[in-house]
Amino acid sequence: MSEAVSALAGARGSGLVELADAGVTGMITLRGDLPLLGGALESVLGLGLPGQRQVVTGQRGQVLWMSPDELLIVLPYAEAPGVAAALSAALGDAFATVAVVSDARALITVTGAQARDVLAKLMPVDFADFPVASVRRTRAAQVAAALWRESETEWKLVCFRSVASYVFEALATVAQPGGEVGLYR
């Protein structure tokens, strides 16, 4: 893994919400039979398997349900290679893949009471029924993204690093004062 540089280089923005580059973050994609992946997660990270469209958080990171056969692990960047190697060893000869995708992804934090309104301007998601610790794969404007809710007012968005500046600028544009919607108050 290379010495990654954030696609957004510490970008910050404010308006109706606070936007921030979450910095270089470790990410590992796991694909395979979920019960099998769950056993490896438990043995390596001490984390259980998330339910459908859920996030499990522990001391060493987070595990996001991405699809019926895919999980995303989010953890400190420096830990990703070692954790990936340990997961591969735990899975042995099982039909599964472990891929470090840290250098291909960017993470943006959206914080504020109006976060759902701002996000809804770019994402076809029902934010009225989006509880804390839930995740959705969707798009932000016209690019692939995944979004999860950390707390009542904090959200995390992951996208490909190659489009991170576009996503950040789109969020900054729709978060400008004067663009309040007030749908999710």
C-alpha atoms as a PDB file:
ATOM      1  CA  MET A   1       0.000   0.000   0.000  1.00  0.00           C
ATOM      2  CA  SER A   2       1.350   3.414  -0.909  1.00  0.00           C
ATOM      3  CA  GLU A   3       1.629   6.428   1.347  1.00  0.00           C
ATOM      4  CA  ALA A   4      -1.858   7.704   0.655  1.00  0.00           C
ATOM      5  CA  VAL A   5      -2.718  11.348   0.464  1.00  0.00           C
ATOM      6  CA  SER A   6      -6.284  12.374   1.042  1.00  0.00           C
ATOM      7  CA  ALA A   7      -8.107  13.303  -2.151  1.00  0.00           C
ATOM      8  CA  LEU A   8      -9.453  16.333  -0.334  1.00  0.00           C
ATOM      9  CA  ALA A   9      -6.248  17.355   1.477  1.00  0.00           C
ATOM     10  CA  GLY A  10      -7.939  18.365   4.729  1.00  0.00           C
ATOM     11  CA  ALA A  11     -10.844  20.121   3.029  1.00  0.00           C
ATOM     12  CA  ARG A  12     -13.402  21.703   5.311  1.00  0.00           C
ATOM     13  CA  GLY A  13     -16.559  23.586   4.583  1.00  0.00           C
ATOM     14  CA  SER A  14     -19.498  25.005   6.388  1.00  0.00           C
ATOM     15  CA  GLY A  15     -22.884  26.462   5.729  1.00  0.00           C
ATOM     16  CA  LEU A  16     -26.004  24.610   6.736  1.00  0.00           C
ATOM     17  CA  VAL A  17     -23.704  21.747   7.850  1.00  0.00           C
ATOM     18  CA  GLU A  18     -20.029  21.204   8.588  1.00  0.00           C
ATOM     19  CA  LEU A  19     -18.207  19.221   5.921  1.00  0.00           C
ATOM     20  CA  ALA A  20     -14.815  17.677   6.560  1.00  0.00           C
ATOM     21  CA  ASP A  21     -12.356  15.411   4.879  1.00  0.00           C
ATOM     22  CA  ALA A  22     -12.058  12.507   7.316  1.00  0.00           C
ATOM     23  CA  GLY A  23      -8.462  12.071   6.197  1.00  0.00           C
ATOM     24  CA  VAL A  24      -6.710   8.982   4.995  1.00  0.00           C
ATOM     25  CA  THR A  25      -8.697   6.040   6.283  1.00  0.00           C
ATOM     26  CA  GLY A  26      -8.172   2.287   6.102  1.00  0.00           C
ATOM     27  CA  MET A  27     -10.831   0.322   4.262  1.00  0.00           C
ATOM     28  CA  ILE A  28     -11.068  -3.380   3.500  1.00  0.00           C
ATOM     29  CA  THR A  29     -13.694  -5.031   1.325  1.00  0.00           C
ATOM     30  CA  LEU A  30     -14.698  -8.583   2.259  1.00  0.00           C
ATOM     31  CA  ARG A  31     -16.750 -10.687  -0.129  1.00  0.00           C
ATOM     32  CA  GLY A  32     -18.118 -14.148   0.429  1.00  0.00           C
ATOM     33  CA  ASP A  33     -20.666 -16.067   2.470  1.00  0.00           C
ATOM     34  CA  LEU A  34     -21.579 -13.708   5.330  1.00  0.00           C
ATOM     35  CA  PRO A  35     -21.645 -16.318   8.136  1.00  0.00           C
ATOM     36  CA  LEU A  36     -18.143 -17.383   7.088  1.00  0.00           C
ATOM     37  CA  LEU A  37     -16.979 -13.742   6.973  1.00  0.00           C
ATOM     38  CA  GLY A  38     -18.567 -13.188  10.380  1.00  0.00           C
ATOM     39  CA  GLY A  39     -16.428 -15.886  11.939  1.00  0.00           C
ATOM     40  CA  ALA A  40     -13.270 -14.293  10.543  1.00  0.00           C
ATOM     41  CA  LEU A  41     -14.363 -10.843  11.767  1.00  0.00           C
ATOM     42  CA  GLU A  42     -14.984 -12.178  15.252  1.00  0.00           C
ATOM     43  CA  SER A  43     -11.604 -13.894  15.435  1.00  0.00           C
ATOM     44  CA  VAL A  44      -9.586 -10.966  14.010  1.00  0.00           C
ATOM     45  CA  LEU A  45     -11.409  -7.824  15.162  1.00  0.00           C
ATOM     46  CA  GLY A  46     -13.728  -9.097  17.879  1.00  0.00           C
ATOM     47  CA  LEU A  47     -16.671  -7.645  15.948  1.00  0.00           C
ATOM     48  CA  GLY A  48     -19.900  -9.382  15.082  1.00  0.00           C
ATOM     49  CA  LEU A  49     -21.576  -9.514  11.721  1.00  0.00           C
ATOM     50  CA  PRO A  50     -23.769  -6.474  10.965  1.00  0.00           C
ATOM     51  CA  GLY A  51     -27.381  -7.036  10.019  1.00  0.00           C
ATOM     52  CA  GLN A  52     -28.747  -6.006   6.657  1.00  0.00           C
ATOM     53  CA  ARG A  53     -27.981  -2.298   6.016  1.00  0.00           C
ATOM     54  CA  GLN A  54     -26.397  -1.981   9.467  1.00  0.00           C
ATOM     55  CA  VAL A  55     -23.075  -0.876  10.934  1.00  0.00           C
ATOM     56  CA  VAL A  56     -21.266  -2.564  13.829  1.00  0.00           C
ATOM     57  CA  THR A  57     -18.773  -0.380  15.695  1.00  0.00           C
ATOM     58  CA  GLY A  58     -15.992  -1.536  17.987  1.00  0.00           C
ATOM     59  CA  GLN A  59     -12.731  -0.268  19.411  1.00  0.00           C
ATOM     60  CA  ARG A  60     -10.717  -1.236  16.333  1.00  0.00           C
ATOM     61  CA  GLY A  61     -13.119   0.023  13.666  1.00  0.00           C
ATOM     62  CA  GLN A  62     -16.449  -0.423  11.988  1.00  0.00           C
ATOM     63  CA  VAL A  63     -17.986  -3.132   9.804  1.00  0.00           C
ATOM     64  CA  LEU A  64     -20.638  -2.061   7.289  1.00  0.00           C
ATOM     65  CA  TRP A  65     -23.079  -4.358   5.525  1.00  0.00           C
ATOM     66  CA  MET A  66     -22.776  -3.482   1.833  1.00  0.00           C
ATOM     67  CA  SER A  67     -24.709  -6.302   0.128  1.00  0.00           C
ATOM     68  CA  PRO A  68     -25.765  -9.905   0.808  1.00  0.00           C
ATOM     69  CA  ASP A  69     -22.179 -11.018   0.149  1.00  0.00           C
ATOM     70  CA  GLU A  70     -20.078  -7.927   0.891  1.00  0.00           C
ATOM     71  CA  LEU A  71     -18.816  -6.080   3.957  1.00  0.00           C
ATOM     72  CA  LEU A  72     -16.688  -2.963   4.287  1.00  0.00           C
ATOM     73  CA  ILE A  73     -14.310  -2.585   7.236  1.00  0.00           C
ATOM     74  CA  VAL A  74     -13.340   0.987   8.162  1.00  0.00           C
ATOM     75  CA  LEU A  75     -10.347   1.329  10.480  1.00  0.00           C
ATOM     76  CA  PRO A  76      -7.132   3.332  10.900  1.00  0.00           C
ATOM     77  CA  TYR A  77      -5.136   3.421   7.669  1.00  0.00           C
ATOM     78  CA  ALA A  78      -1.966   1.894   9.103  1.00  0.00           C
ATOM     79  CA  GLU A  79      -3.877  -1.130  10.418  1.00  0.00           C
ATOM     80  CA  ALA A  80      -5.534  -2.113   7.127  1.00  0.00           C
ATOM     81  CA  PRO A  81      -2.733  -4.283   5.656  1.00  0.00           C
ATOM     82  CA  GLY A  82      -2.235  -6.272   8.859  1.00  0.00           C
ATOM     83  CA  VAL A  83      -5.943  -6.770   9.434  1.00  0.00           C
ATOM     84  CA  ALA A  84      -6.409  -7.853   5.802  1.00  0.00           C
ATOM     85  CA  ALA A  85      -3.609 -10.407   6.160  1.00  0.00           C
ATOM     86  CA  ALA A  86      -5.122 -11.732   9.394  1.00  0.00           C
ATOM     87  CA  LEU A  87      -8.568 -11.988   7.780  1.00  0.00           C
ATOM     88  CA  SER A  88      -7.110 -13.859   4.801  1.00  0.00           C
ATOM     89  CA  ALA A  89      -5.403 -16.277   7.173  1.00  0.00           C
ATOM     90  CA  ALA A  90      -8.610 -16.725   9.197  1.00  0.00           C
ATOM     91  CA  LEU A  91     -10.580 -17.467   6.018  1.00  0.00           C
ATOM     92  CA  GLY A  92      -7.985 -19.987   4.812  1.00  0.00           C
ATOM     93  CA  ASP A  93      -9.077 -21.742   1.633  1.00  0.00           C
ATOM     94  CA  ALA A  94     -12.659 -20.506   1.854  1.00  0.00           C
ATOM     95  CA  PHE A  95     -14.230 -18.981  -1.245  1.00  0.00           C
ATOM     96  CA  ALA A  96     -13.885 -15.336  -0.183  1.00  0.00           C
ATOM     97  CA  THR A  97     -11.943 -12.225  -1.120  1.00  0.00           C
ATOM     98  CA  VAL A  98     -10.168  -9.709   1.066  1.00  0.00           C
ATOM     99  CA  ALA A  99      -9.084  -6.475  -0.615  1.00  0.00           C
ATOM    100  CA  VAL A 100      -7.523  -3.363   0.900  1.00  0.00           C
ATOM    101  CA  VAL A 101      -9.277  -0.471  -0.873  1.00  0.00           C
ATOM    102  CA  SER A 102      -7.966   2.379   1.291  1.00  0.00           C
ATOM    103  CA  ASP A 103      -6.136   4.100  -1.549  1.00  0.00           C
ATOM    104  CA  ALA A 104      -9.191   3.942  -3.812  1.00  0.00           C
ATOM    105  CA  ARG A 105     -11.705   5.497  -1.416  1.00  0.00           C
ATOM    106  CA  ALA A 106     -12.268   8.826   0.343  1.00  0.00           C
ATOM    107  CA  LEU A 107     -14.310   9.535   3.446  1.00  0.00           C
ATOM    108  CA  ILE A 108     -16.308  12.728   4.051  1.00  0.00           C
ATOM    109  CA  THR A 109     -17.991  13.672   7.329  1.00  0.00           C
ATOM    110  CA  VAL A 110     -21.230  15.689   7.262  1.00  0.00           C
ATOM    111  CA  THR A 111     -22.270  17.134  10.621  1.00  0.00           C
ATOM    112  CA  GLY A 112     -25.166  19.323  11.687  1.00  0.00           C
ATOM    113  CA  ALA A 113     -28.861  19.480  12.442  1.00  0.00           C
ATOM    114  CA  GLN A 114     -29.658  20.008   8.743  1.00  0.00           C
ATOM    115  CA  ALA A 115     -27.492  17.147   7.468  1.00  0.00           C
ATOM    116  CA  ARG A 116     -30.451  15.092   6.237  1.00  0.00           C
ATOM    117  CA  ASP A 117     -31.786  18.045   4.222  1.00  0.00           C
ATOM    118  CA  VAL A 118     -28.394  18.676   2.635  1.00  0.00           C
ATOM    119  CA  LEU A 119     -27.789  15.003   1.845  1.00  0.00           C
ATOM    120  CA  ALA A 120     -31.295  14.600   0.418  1.00  0.00           C
ATOM    121  CA  LYS A 121     -30.520  17.223  -2.212  1.00  0.00           C
ATOM    122  CA  LEU A 122     -27.944  14.865  -3.752  1.00  0.00           C
ATOM    123  CA  MET A 123     -29.084  11.374  -2.769  1.00  0.00           C
ATOM    124  CA  PRO A 124     -32.226   9.387  -3.622  1.00  0.00           C
ATOM    125  CA  VAL A 125     -32.618   8.095  -0.053  1.00  0.00           C
ATOM    126  CA  ASP A 126     -35.535   8.242   2.389  1.00  0.00           C
ATOM    127  CA  PHE A 127     -33.877  10.080   5.257  1.00  0.00           C
ATOM    128  CA  ALA A 128     -37.083  10.075   7.342  1.00  0.00           C
ATOM    129  CA  ASP A 129     -36.492   6.420   8.195  1.00  0.00           C
ATOM    130  CA  PHE A 130     -32.710   6.244   8.490  1.00  0.00           C
ATOM    131  CA  PRO A 131     -31.712   5.309  12.050  1.00  0.00           C
ATOM    132  CA  VAL A 132     -28.290   5.663  13.656  1.00  0.00           C
ATOM    133  CA  ALA A 133     -25.972   2.730  12.761  1.00  0.00           C
ATOM    134  CA  SER A 134     -27.641   2.223   9.384  1.00  0.00           C
ATOM    135  CA  VAL A 135     -25.906   2.261   6.009  1.00  0.00           C
ATOM    136  CA  ARG A 136     -27.113   2.728   2.434  1.00  0.00           C
ATOM    137  CA  ARG A 137     -25.381   2.276  -0.887  1.00  0.00           C
ATOM    138  CA  THR A 138     -26.607   4.943  -3.223  1.00  0.00           C
ATOM    139  CA  ARG A 139     -25.272   7.765  -5.321  1.00  0.00           C
ATOM    140  CA  ALA A 140     -24.259  11.318  -4.503  1.00  0.00           C
ATOM    141  CA  ALA A 141     -25.316  13.411  -7.479  1.00  0.00           C
ATOM    142  CA  GLN A 142     -24.179  11.092 -10.287  1.00  0.00           C
ATOM    143  CA  VAL A 143     -21.498   8.978  -8.608  1.00  0.00           C
ATOM    144  CA  ALA A 144     -21.517   5.847  -6.483  1.00  0.00           C
ATOM    145  CA  ALA A 145     -21.414   6.390  -2.734  1.00  0.00           C
ATOM    146  CA  ALA A 146     -22.210   4.732   0.564  1.00  0.00           C
ATOM    147  CA  LEU A 147     -23.565   6.626   3.537  1.00  0.00           C
ATOM    148  CA  TRP A 148     -23.989   5.749   7.187  1.00  0.00           C
ATOM    149  CA  ARG A 149     -25.362   7.540  10.195  1.00  0.00           C
ATOM    150  CA  GLU A 150     -22.992   7.870  13.131  1.00  0.00           C
ATOM    151  CA  SER A 151     -25.284   9.873  15.436  1.00  0.00           C
ATOM    152  CA  GLU A 152     -28.331  12.126  15.309  1.00  0.00           C
ATOM    153  CA  THR A 153     -26.287  14.827  13.571  1.00  0.00           C
ATOM    154  CA  GLU A 154     -23.211  13.077  12.107  1.00  0.00           C
ATOM    155  CA  TRP A 155     -23.009  11.156   8.842  1.00  0.00           C
ATOM    156  CA  LYS A 156     -20.138   9.518   6.967  1.00  0.00           C
ATOM    157  CA  LEU A 157     -19.996   9.257   3.188  1.00  0.00           C
ATOM    158  CA  VAL A 158     -17.514   7.096   1.299  1.00  0.00           C
ATOM    159  CA  CYS A 159     -16.892   7.425  -2.427  1.00  0.00           C
ATOM    160  CA  PHE A 160     -14.184   6.685  -4.935  1.00  0.00           C
ATOM    161  CA  ARG A 161     -11.145   8.892  -4.391  1.00  0.00           C
ATOM    162  CA  SER A 162     -11.218   9.924  -8.061  1.00  0.00           C
ATOM    163  CA  VAL A 163     -14.555  11.722  -7.571  1.00  0.00           C
ATOM    164  CA  ALA A 164     -14.106  12.895  -3.968  1.00  0.00           C
ATOM    165  CA  SER A 165     -13.515  16.546  -4.893  1.00  0.00           C
ATOM    166  CA  TYR A 166     -16.665  16.521  -7.028  1.00  0.00           C
ATOM    167  CA  VAL A 167     -18.748  15.049  -4.190  1.00  0.00           C
ATOM    168  CA  PHE A 168     -17.290  17.454  -1.624  1.00  0.00           C
ATOM    169  CA  GLU A 169     -17.938  20.479  -3.851  1.00  0.00           C
ATOM    170  CA  ALA A 170     -21.482  19.285  -4.624  1.00  0.00           C
ATOM    171  CA  LEU A 171     -22.166  18.955  -0.892  1.00  0.00           C
ATOM    172  CA  ALA A 172     -20.639  22.375  -0.220  1.00  0.00           C
ATOM    173  CA  THR A 173     -22.832  23.912  -2.935  1.00  0.00           C
ATOM    174  CA  VAL A 174     -26.116  22.470  -1.668  1.00  0.00           C
ATOM    175  CA  ALA A 175     -25.165  23.371   1.926  1.00  0.00           C
ATOM    176  CA  GLN A 176     -24.977  27.101   1.217  1.00  0.00           C
ATOM    177  CA  PRO A 177     -27.127  29.324   3.444  1.00  0.00           C
ATOM    178  CA  GLY A 178     -30.324  30.287   1.685  1.00  0.00           C
ATOM    179  CA  GLY A 179     -30.867  26.744   0.443  1.00  0.00           C
ATOM    180  CA  GLU A 180     -32.677  25.507   3.562  1.00  0.00           C
ATOM    181  CA  VAL A 181     -35.390  22.956   2.887  1.00  0.00           C
ATOM    182  CA  GLY A 182     -36.631  22.159   6.392  1.00  0.00           C
ATOM    183  CA  LEU A 183     -38.069  18.773   5.425  1.00  0.00           C
ATOM    184  CA  TYR A 184     -36.373  16.776   8.200  1.00  0.00           C
ATOM    185  CA  ARG A 185     -36.844  18.969  11.258  1.00  0.00           C
END
